[in-house]
């Protein structure tokens, strides 16, 4: 989405609310809320913050652990 739309929803707290109530992930919501409250972050920086949080929580390791 374009920067203006991203920032509109970011500043409204929509992303953290969605993670909290639809995804039911309070920790991801908390991390996302940090980006929502940090007005010094650019659209690109806040996207990276949120995307990194999602990836940390929902990306499986590239290789299976050795048994």
PDB file of N, CA and C in Angstrom:
ATOM      1  N   UNK A   1       0.847  -1.187   0.000  1.00  0.00           N
ATOM      2  CA  UNK A   1       0.000   0.000   0.000  1.00  0.00           C
ATOM      3  C   UNK A   1       0.887   1.243   0.000  1.00  0.00           C
ATOM      4  N   UNK A   2       0.329   2.343  -0.391  1.00  0.00           N
ATOM      5  CA  UNK A   2       1.103   3.576  -0.440  1.00  0.00           C
ATOM      6  C   UNK A   2       1.390   4.080   0.981  1.00  0.00           C
ATOM      7  N   UNK A   3       2.389   4.950   1.079  1.00  0.00           N
ATOM      8  CA  UNK A   3       2.830   5.435   2.389  1.00  0.00           C
ATOM      9  C   UNK A   3       1.720   6.136   3.170  1.00  0.00           C
ATOM     10  N   UNK A   4       0.914   6.939   2.497  1.00  0.00           N
ATOM     11  CA  UNK A   4      -0.139   7.686   3.196  1.00  0.00           C
ATOM     12  C   UNK A   4      -1.159   6.739   3.829  1.00  0.00           C
ATOM     13  N   UNK A   5      -1.551   5.713   3.108  1.00  0.00           N
ATOM     14  CA  UNK A   5      -2.512   4.737   3.645  1.00  0.00           C
ATOM     15  C   UNK A   5      -1.891   3.948   4.785  1.00  0.00           C
ATOM     16  N   UNK A   6      -0.649   3.502   4.600  1.00  0.00           N
ATOM     17  CA  UNK A   6       0.062   2.780   5.662  1.00  0.00           C
ATOM     18  C   UNK A   6       0.102   3.622   6.939  1.00  0.00           C
ATOM     19  N   UNK A   7       0.528   4.877   6.813  1.00  0.00           N
ATOM     20  CA  UNK A   7       0.673   5.734   7.985  1.00  0.00           C
ATOM     21  C   UNK A   7      -0.670   6.066   8.622  1.00  0.00           C
ATOM     22  N   UNK A   8      -1.709   6.219   7.821  1.00  0.00           N
ATOM     23  CA  UNK A   8      -3.046   6.471   8.377  1.00  0.00           C
ATOM     24  C   UNK A   8      -3.442   5.333   9.319  1.00  0.00           C
ATOM     25  N   UNK A   9      -3.329   4.110   8.856  1.00  0.00           N
ATOM     26  CA  UNK A   9      -3.709   2.956   9.672  1.00  0.00           C
ATOM     27  C   UNK A   9      -2.727   2.728  10.817  1.00  0.00           C
ATOM     28  N   UNK A  10      -1.447   3.022  10.580  1.00  0.00           N
ATOM     29  CA  UNK A  10      -0.438   2.890  11.628  1.00  0.00           C
ATOM     30  C   UNK A  10      -0.757   3.826  12.787  1.00  0.00           C
ATOM     31  N   UNK A  11      -0.963   5.103  12.498  1.00  0.00           N
ATOM     32  CA  UNK A  11      -1.214   6.100  13.552  1.00  0.00           C
ATOM     33  C   UNK A  11      -2.561   5.892  14.238  1.00  0.00           C
ATOM     34  N   UNK A  12      -3.489   5.248  13.542  1.00  0.00           N
ATOM     35  CA  UNK A  12      -4.795   4.944  14.144  1.00  0.00           C
ATOM     36  C   UNK A  12      -4.733   3.718  15.047  1.00  0.00           C
ATOM     37  N   UNK A  13      -3.597   3.008  15.031  1.00  0.00           N
ATOM     38  CA  UNK A  13      -3.456   1.811  15.854  1.00  0.00           C
ATOM     39  C   UNK A  13      -4.149   0.590  15.276  1.00  0.00           C
ATOM     40  N   UNK A  14      -4.482   0.656  14.000  1.00  0.00           N
ATOM     41  CA  UNK A  14      -5.239  -0.433  13.381  1.00  0.00           C
ATOM     42  C   UNK A  14      -4.466  -1.749  13.314  1.00  0.00           C
ATOM     43  N   UNK A  15      -3.168  -1.683  13.054  1.00  0.00           N
ATOM     44  CA  UNK A  15      -2.394  -2.915  12.896  1.00  0.00           C
ATOM     45  C   UNK A  15      -2.280  -3.673  14.214  1.00  0.00           C
ATOM     46  N   UNK A  16      -1.954  -2.979  15.290  1.00  0.00           N
ATOM     47  CA  UNK A  16      -1.840  -3.675  16.580  1.00  0.00           C
ATOM     48  C   UNK A  16      -3.199  -4.210  17.028  1.00  0.00           C
ATOM     49  N   UNK A  17      -4.257  -3.471  16.761  1.00  0.00           N
ATOM     50  CA  UNK A  17      -5.596  -3.954  17.114  1.00  0.00           C
ATOM     51  C   UNK A  17      -5.935  -5.213  16.321  1.00  0.00           C
ATOM     52  N   UNK A  18      -5.580  -5.236  15.059  1.00  0.00           N
ATOM     53  CA  UNK A  18      -5.841  -6.403  14.220  1.00  0.00           C
ATOM     54  C   UNK A  18      -5.066  -7.606  14.742  1.00  0.00           C
ATOM     55  N   UNK A  19      -3.774  -7.400  15.056  1.00  0.00           N
ATOM     56  CA  UNK A  19      -2.977  -8.506  15.595  1.00  0.00           C
ATOM     57  C   UNK A  19      -3.537  -8.981  16.929  1.00  0.00           C
ATOM     58  N   UNK A  20      -4.003  -8.071  17.759  1.00  0.00           N
ATOM     59  CA  UNK A  20      -4.517  -8.434  19.081  1.00  0.00           C
ATOM     60  C   UNK A  20      -5.856  -9.177  18.984  1.00  0.00           C
ATOM     61  N   UNK A  21      -6.773  -8.655  18.174  1.00  0.00           N
ATOM     62  CA  UNK A  21      -8.138  -9.189  18.185  1.00  0.00           C
ATOM     63  C   UNK A  21      -8.429 -10.217  17.095  1.00  0.00           C
ATOM     64  N   UNK A  22      -7.818 -10.086  15.935  1.00  0.00           N
ATOM     65  CA  UNK A  22      -8.083 -11.040  14.858  1.00  0.00           C
ATOM     66  C   UNK A  22      -7.080 -12.190  14.864  1.00  0.00           C
ATOM     67  N   UNK A  23      -5.806 -11.876  14.995  1.00  0.00           N
ATOM     68  CA  UNK A  23      -4.754 -12.895  15.012  1.00  0.00           C
ATOM     69  C   UNK A  23      -4.601 -13.482  16.414  1.00  0.00           C
ATOM     70  N   UNK A  24      -4.990 -12.700  17.413  1.00  0.00           N
ATOM     71  CA  UNK A  24      -4.905 -13.096  18.836  1.00  0.00           C
ATOM     72  C   UNK A  24      -3.467 -13.346  19.277  1.00  0.00           C
ATOM     73  N   UNK A  25      -2.625 -12.396  18.894  1.00  0.00           N
ATOM     74  CA  UNK A  25      -1.214 -12.461  19.266  1.00  0.00           C
ATOM     75  C   UNK A  25      -0.876 -11.166  20.010  1.00  0.00           C
ATOM     76  N   UNK A  26      -0.950 -11.232  21.322  1.00  0.00           N
ATOM     77  CA  UNK A  26      -0.731 -10.031  22.137  1.00  0.00           C
ATOM     78  C   UNK A  26       0.695  -9.515  22.046  1.00  0.00           C
ATOM     79  N   UNK A  27       1.661 -10.416  21.938  1.00  0.00           N
ATOM     80  CA  UNK A  27       3.059  -9.991  21.848  1.00  0.00           C
ATOM     81  C   UNK A  27       3.325  -9.273  20.524  1.00  0.00           C
ATOM     82  N   UNK A  28       2.806  -9.800  19.438  1.00  0.00           N
ATOM     83  CA  UNK A  28       2.959  -9.130  18.149  1.00  0.00           C
ATOM     84  C   UNK A  28       2.243  -7.779  18.173  1.00  0.00           C
ATOM     85  N   UNK A  29       1.092  -7.728  18.791  1.00  0.00           N
ATOM     86  CA  UNK A  29       0.365  -6.462  18.929  1.00  0.00           C
ATOM     87  C   UNK A  29       1.190  -5.454  19.720  1.00  0.00           C
ATOM     88  N   UNK A  30       1.848  -5.901  20.778  1.00  0.00           N
ATOM     89  CA  UNK A  30       2.667  -5.010  21.600  1.00  0.00           C
ATOM     90  C   UNK A  30       3.840  -4.459  20.787  1.00  0.00           C
ATOM     91  N   UNK A  31       4.513  -5.341  20.057  1.00  0.00           N
ATOM     92  CA  UNK A  31       5.646  -4.896  19.238  1.00  0.00           C
ATOM     93  C   UNK A  31       5.191  -3.920  18.152  1.00  0.00           C
ATOM     94  N   UNK A  32       4.050  -4.191  17.563  1.00  0.00           N
ATOM     95  CA  UNK A  32       3.516  -3.318  16.518  1.00  0.00           C
ATOM     96  C   UNK A  32       3.113  -1.969  17.094  1.00  0.00           C
ATOM     97  N   UNK A  33       2.549  -1.976  18.284  1.00  0.00           N
ATOM     98  CA  UNK A  33       2.159  -0.726  18.938  1.00  0.00           C
ATOM     99  C   UNK A  33       3.365   0.181  19.170  1.00  0.00           C
ATOM    100  N   UNK A  34       4.535  -0.409  19.386  1.00  0.00           N
ATOM    101  CA  UNK A  34       5.754   0.400  19.535  1.00  0.00           C
ATOM    102  C   UNK A  34       5.990   1.234  18.278  1.00  0.00           C
ATOM    103  N   UNK A  35       5.847   0.616  17.121  1.00  0.00           N
ATOM    104  CA  UNK A  35       6.028   1.342  15.858  1.00  0.00           C
ATOM    105  C   UNK A  35       4.916   2.367  15.663  1.00  0.00           C
ATOM    106  N   UNK A  36       3.705   2.021  16.061  1.00  0.00           N
ATOM    107  CA  UNK A  36       2.580   2.943  15.908  1.00  0.00           C
ATOM    108  C   UNK A  36       2.785   4.213  16.730  1.00  0.00           C
ATOM    109  N   UNK A  37       3.402   4.083  17.877  1.00  0.00           N
ATOM    110  CA  UNK A  37       3.589   5.230  18.778  1.00  0.00           C
ATOM    111  C   UNK A  37       4.837   6.050  18.470  1.00  0.00           C
ATOM    112  N   UNK A  38       5.767   5.486  17.718  1.00  0.00           N
ATOM    113  CA  UNK A  38       7.027   6.170  17.430  1.00  0.00           C
ATOM    114  C   UNK A  38       6.874   7.046  16.190  1.00  0.00           C
ATOM    115  N   UNK A  39       6.552   8.300  16.392  1.00  0.00           N
ATOM    116  CA  UNK A  39       6.305   9.212  15.276  1.00  0.00           C
ATOM    117  C   UNK A  39       7.573   9.607  14.532  1.00  0.00           C
ATOM    118  N   UNK A  40       8.727   9.226  15.062  1.00  0.00           N
ATOM    119  CA  UNK A  40       9.993   9.522  14.386  1.00  0.00           C
ATOM    120  C   UNK A  40      10.277   8.521  13.262  1.00  0.00           C
ATOM    121  N   UNK A  41       9.591   7.377  13.270  1.00  0.00           N
ATOM    122  CA  UNK A  41       9.801   6.368  12.229  1.00  0.00           C
ATOM    123  C   UNK A  41       9.140   6.801  10.926  1.00  0.00           C
ATOM    124  N   UNK A  42       9.854   6.624   9.840  1.00  0.00           N
ATOM    125  CA  UNK A  42       9.262   6.865   8.519  1.00  0.00           C
ATOM    126  C   UNK A  42       8.333   5.695   8.188  1.00  0.00           C
ATOM    127  N   UNK A  43       7.587   5.836   7.102  1.00  0.00           N
ATOM    128  CA  UNK A  43       6.726   4.734   6.665  1.00  0.00           C
ATOM    129  C   UNK A  43       7.568   3.489   6.407  1.00  0.00           C
ATOM    130  N   UNK A  44       8.701   3.668   5.751  1.00  0.00           N
ATOM    131  CA  UNK A  44       9.582   2.534   5.446  1.00  0.00           C
ATOM    132  C   UNK A  44      10.114   1.889   6.728  1.00  0.00           C
ATOM    133  N   UNK A  45      10.536   2.690   7.683  1.00  0.00           N
ATOM    134  CA  UNK A  45      11.076   2.155   8.938  1.00  0.00           C
ATOM    135  C   UNK A  45      10.006   1.433   9.752  1.00  0.00           C
ATOM    136  N   UNK A  46       8.806   1.999   9.795  1.00  0.00           N
ATOM    137  CA  UNK A  46       7.737   1.352  10.565  1.00  0.00           C
ATOM    138  C   UNK A  46       7.297   0.051   9.903  1.00  0.00           C
ATOM    139  N   UNK A  47       7.251   0.016   8.578  1.00  0.00           N
ATOM    140  CA  UNK A  47       6.941  -1.233   7.873  1.00  0.00           C
ATOM    141  C   UNK A  47       7.966  -2.306   8.225  1.00  0.00           C
ATOM    142  N   UNK A  48       9.245  -1.921   8.221  1.00  0.00           N
ATOM    143  CA  UNK A  48      10.306  -2.870   8.545  1.00  0.00           C
ATOM    144  C   UNK A  48      10.152  -3.375   9.971  1.00  0.00           C
ATOM    145  N   UNK A  49       9.842  -2.501  10.902  1.00  0.00           N
ATOM    146  CA  UNK A  49       9.651  -2.886  12.307  1.00  0.00           C
ATOM    147  C   UNK A  49       8.533  -3.932  12.422  1.00  0.00           C
ATOM    148  N   UNK A  50       7.405  -3.661  11.787  1.00  0.00           N
ATOM    149  CA  UNK A  50       6.259  -4.577  11.851  1.00  0.00           C
ATOM    150  C   UNK A  50       6.575  -5.878  11.119  1.00  0.00           C
ATOM    151  N   UNK A  51       7.141  -5.798   9.935  1.00  0.00           N
ATOM    152  CA  UNK A  51       7.473  -6.995   9.166  1.00  0.00           C
ATOM    153  C   UNK A  51       8.487  -7.861   9.899  1.00  0.00           C
ATOM    154  N   UNK A  52       9.496  -7.246  10.493  1.00  0.00           N
ATOM    155  CA  UNK A  52      10.484  -8.010  11.259  1.00  0.00           C
ATOM    156  C   UNK A  52       9.826  -8.732  12.430  1.00  0.00           C
ATOM    157  N   UNK A  53       8.893  -8.071  13.095  1.00  0.00           N
ATOM    158  CA  UNK A  53       8.187  -8.699  14.216  1.00  0.00           C
ATOM    159  C   UNK A  53       7.370  -9.901  13.736  1.00  0.00           C
ATOM    160  N   UNK A  54       6.672  -9.740  12.621  1.00  0.00           N
ATOM    161  CA  UNK A  54       5.884 -10.850  12.059  1.00  0.00           C
ATOM    162  C   UNK A  54       6.807 -12.004  11.691  1.00  0.00           C
ATOM    163  N   UNK A  55       7.892 -11.706  11.025  1.00  0.00           N
ATOM    164  CA  UNK A  55       8.820 -12.767  10.608  1.00  0.00           C
ATOM    165  C   UNK A  55       9.422 -13.498  11.805  1.00  0.00           C
ATOM    166  N   UNK A  56       9.782 -12.760  12.856  1.00  0.00           N
ATOM    167  CA  UNK A  56      10.342 -13.416  14.048  1.00  0.00           C
ATOM    168  C   UNK A  56       9.352 -14.406  14.651  1.00  0.00           C
ATOM    169  N   UNK A  57       8.087 -14.063  14.609  1.00  0.00           N
ATOM    170  CA  UNK A  57       7.088 -14.898  15.271  1.00  0.00           C
ATOM    171  C   UNK A  57       6.505 -15.992  14.375  1.00  0.00           C
ATOM    172  N   UNK A  58       6.536 -15.796  13.057  1.00  0.00           N
ATOM    173  CA  UNK A  58       5.804 -16.712  12.185  1.00  0.00           C
ATOM    174  C   UNK A  58       6.612 -17.346  11.062  1.00  0.00           C
ATOM    175  N   UNK A  59       7.901 -17.150  11.011  1.00  0.00           N
ATOM    176  CA  UNK A  59       8.717 -17.791   9.986  1.00  0.00           C
ATOM    177  C   UNK A  59       9.444 -18.977  10.602  1.00  0.00           C
ATOM    178  N   UNK A  60       9.219 -20.140  10.022  1.00  0.00           N
ATOM    179  CA  UNK A  60       9.877 -21.355  10.519  1.00  0.00           C
ATOM    180  C   UNK A  60      11.344 -21.341  10.106  1.00  0.00           C
ATOM    181  N   UNK A  61      12.179 -22.060  10.840  1.00  0.00           N
ATOM    182  CA  UNK A  61      13.591 -22.161  10.454  1.00  0.00           C
ATOM    183  C   UNK A  61      13.722 -22.749   9.046  1.00  0.00           C
ATOM    184  N   UNK A  62      14.775 -22.357   8.350  1.00  0.00           N
ATOM    185  CA  UNK A  62      14.998 -22.827   6.979  1.00  0.00           C
ATOM    186  C   UNK A  62      15.340 -24.305   6.927  1.00  0.00           C
ATOM    187  N   UNK A  63      15.935 -24.822   7.977  1.00  0.00           N
ATOM    188  CA  UNK A  63      16.284 -26.239   8.019  1.00  0.00           C
ATOM    189  C   UNK A  63      15.698 -26.861   9.276  1.00  0.00           C
ATOM    190  N   UNK A  64      15.404 -28.125   9.165  1.00  0.00           N
ATOM    191  CA  UNK A  64      14.869 -28.846  10.321  1.00  0.00           C
ATOM    192  C   UNK A  64      15.993 -29.083  11.328  1.00  0.00           C
ATOM    193  N   UNK A  65      15.671 -29.046  12.598  1.00  0.00           N
ATOM    194  CA  UNK A  65      16.709 -29.324  13.598  1.00  0.00           C
ATOM    195  C   UNK A  65      17.179 -30.771  13.494  1.00  0.00           C
ATOM    196  N   UNK A  66      18.438 -30.971  13.782  1.00  0.00           N
ATOM    197  CA  UNK A  66      18.976 -32.329  13.745  1.00  0.00           C
ATOM    198  C   UNK A  66      18.464 -33.113  14.942  1.00  0.00           C
ATOM    199  N   UNK A  67      18.229 -34.372  14.707  1.00  0.00           N
ATOM    200  CA  UNK A  67      17.701 -35.223  15.784  1.00  0.00           C
ATOM    201  C   UNK A  67      18.795 -35.967  16.495  1.00  0.00           C
TER     202      UNK A  67
END
